[in-house]
């Protein structure tokens, strides 16, 4: 499986282990959702840190 990681517009190189972990976690989680076909071809997940969450981590 091919996985690309971009953080704040910067492409981040990821190793085989991280690729496998991200693919397994994301793919298997999303596949359980109603409306997602078992034979999906491509998926995009976009995460944005909320200001509230970011401030509570400081």
C-alpha atoms as a PDB file:
ATOM      1  CA  UNK A   1       0.000   0.000   0.000  1.00  0.00           C
ATOM      2  CA  UNK A   2       1.209   3.516  -0.745  1.00  0.00           C
ATOM      3  CA  UNK A   3       0.985   6.122   2.034  1.00  0.00           C
ATOM      4  CA  UNK A   4       1.897   9.810   1.771  1.00  0.00           C
ATOM      5  CA  UNK A   5       2.260  12.100   4.781  1.00  0.00           C
ATOM      6  CA  UNK A   6       2.148  15.885   4.524  1.00  0.00           C
ATOM      7  CA  UNK A   7       2.364  18.091   7.630  1.00  0.00           C
ATOM      8  CA  UNK A   8       1.745  21.824   7.277  1.00  0.00           C
ATOM      9  CA  UNK A   9       2.404  21.565   3.529  1.00  0.00           C
ATOM     10  CA  UNK A  10       5.711  19.701   3.961  1.00  0.00           C
ATOM     11  CA  UNK A  11       6.036  16.156   2.585  1.00  0.00           C
ATOM     12  CA  UNK A  12       7.354  13.868   5.312  1.00  0.00           C
ATOM     13  CA  UNK A  13       9.276  10.710   4.450  1.00  0.00           C
ATOM     14  CA  UNK A  14       8.008   7.691   6.346  1.00  0.00           C
ATOM     15  CA  UNK A  15       9.641   4.308   6.701  1.00  0.00           C
ATOM     16  CA  UNK A  16       8.107   0.908   5.910  1.00  0.00           C
ATOM     17  CA  UNK A  17       7.034   0.314   9.531  1.00  0.00           C
ATOM     18  CA  UNK A  18       5.127   3.609   9.795  1.00  0.00           C
ATOM     19  CA  UNK A  19       3.604   3.032   6.339  1.00  0.00           C
ATOM     20  CA  UNK A  20       2.282  -0.358   7.441  1.00  0.00           C
ATOM     21  CA  UNK A  21       0.937   0.991  10.756  1.00  0.00           C
ATOM     22  CA  UNK A  22      -0.851   3.975   9.164  1.00  0.00           C
ATOM     23  CA  UNK A  23      -2.274   1.837   6.360  1.00  0.00           C
ATOM     24  CA  UNK A  24      -3.533  -0.860   8.722  1.00  0.00           C
ATOM     25  CA  UNK A  25      -5.039   1.504  11.312  1.00  0.00           C
ATOM     26  CA  UNK A  26      -6.667   3.874   8.841  1.00  0.00           C
ATOM     27  CA  UNK A  27      -7.784   1.296   6.304  1.00  0.00           C
ATOM     28  CA  UNK A  28      -9.329  -1.132   8.756  1.00  0.00           C
ATOM     29  CA  UNK A  29     -11.041   1.653  10.729  1.00  0.00           C
ATOM     30  CA  UNK A  30     -12.598   3.284   7.683  1.00  0.00           C
ATOM     31  CA  UNK A  31     -13.621  -0.039   6.115  1.00  0.00           C
ATOM     32  CA  UNK A  32     -16.012  -0.599   9.042  1.00  0.00           C
ATOM     33  CA  UNK A  33     -17.987   2.549   8.170  1.00  0.00           C
ATOM     34  CA  UNK A  34     -21.314   2.284   6.365  1.00  0.00           C
ATOM     35  CA  UNK A  35     -20.970   3.251   2.716  1.00  0.00           C
ATOM     36  CA  UNK A  36     -17.294   2.341   2.308  1.00  0.00           C
ATOM     37  CA  UNK A  37     -16.840  -0.421  -0.245  1.00  0.00           C
ATOM     38  CA  UNK A  38     -14.519  -3.299   0.604  1.00  0.00           C
ATOM     39  CA  UNK A  39     -12.587  -2.780  -2.640  1.00  0.00           C
ATOM     40  CA  UNK A  40     -11.917   0.979  -2.260  1.00  0.00           C
ATOM     41  CA  UNK A  41      -9.057   2.329  -4.405  1.00  0.00           C
ATOM     42  CA  UNK A  42      -7.934   5.549  -2.717  1.00  0.00           C
ATOM     43  CA  UNK A  43      -8.719   7.321   0.529  1.00  0.00           C
ATOM     44  CA  UNK A  44      -7.899  10.803   1.824  1.00  0.00           C
ATOM     45  CA  UNK A  45      -7.918  11.686   5.516  1.00  0.00           C
ATOM     46  CA  UNK A  46      -7.265  15.268   6.580  1.00  0.00           C
ATOM     47  CA  UNK A  47      -6.562  16.150  10.211  1.00  0.00           C
ATOM     48  CA  UNK A  48      -6.642  19.670  11.607  1.00  0.00           C
ATOM     49  CA  UNK A  49      -5.680  20.422  15.152  1.00  0.00           C
ATOM     50  CA  UNK A  50      -8.352  22.507  16.840  1.00  0.00           C
ATOM     51  CA  UNK A  51      -7.219  25.622  18.668  1.00  0.00           C
ATOM     52  CA  UNK A  52      -8.775  24.286  21.869  1.00  0.00           C
ATOM     53  CA  UNK A  53      -6.913  20.960  21.675  1.00  0.00           C
ATOM     54  CA  UNK A  54      -3.643  22.666  20.795  1.00  0.00           C
ATOM     55  CA  UNK A  55      -3.883  25.117  23.708  1.00  0.00           C
ATOM     56  CA  UNK A  56      -4.679  22.357  26.210  1.00  0.00           C
ATOM     57  CA  UNK A  57      -1.495  20.532  25.204  1.00  0.00           C
ATOM     58  CA  UNK A  58       0.738  23.478  26.137  1.00  0.00           C
END
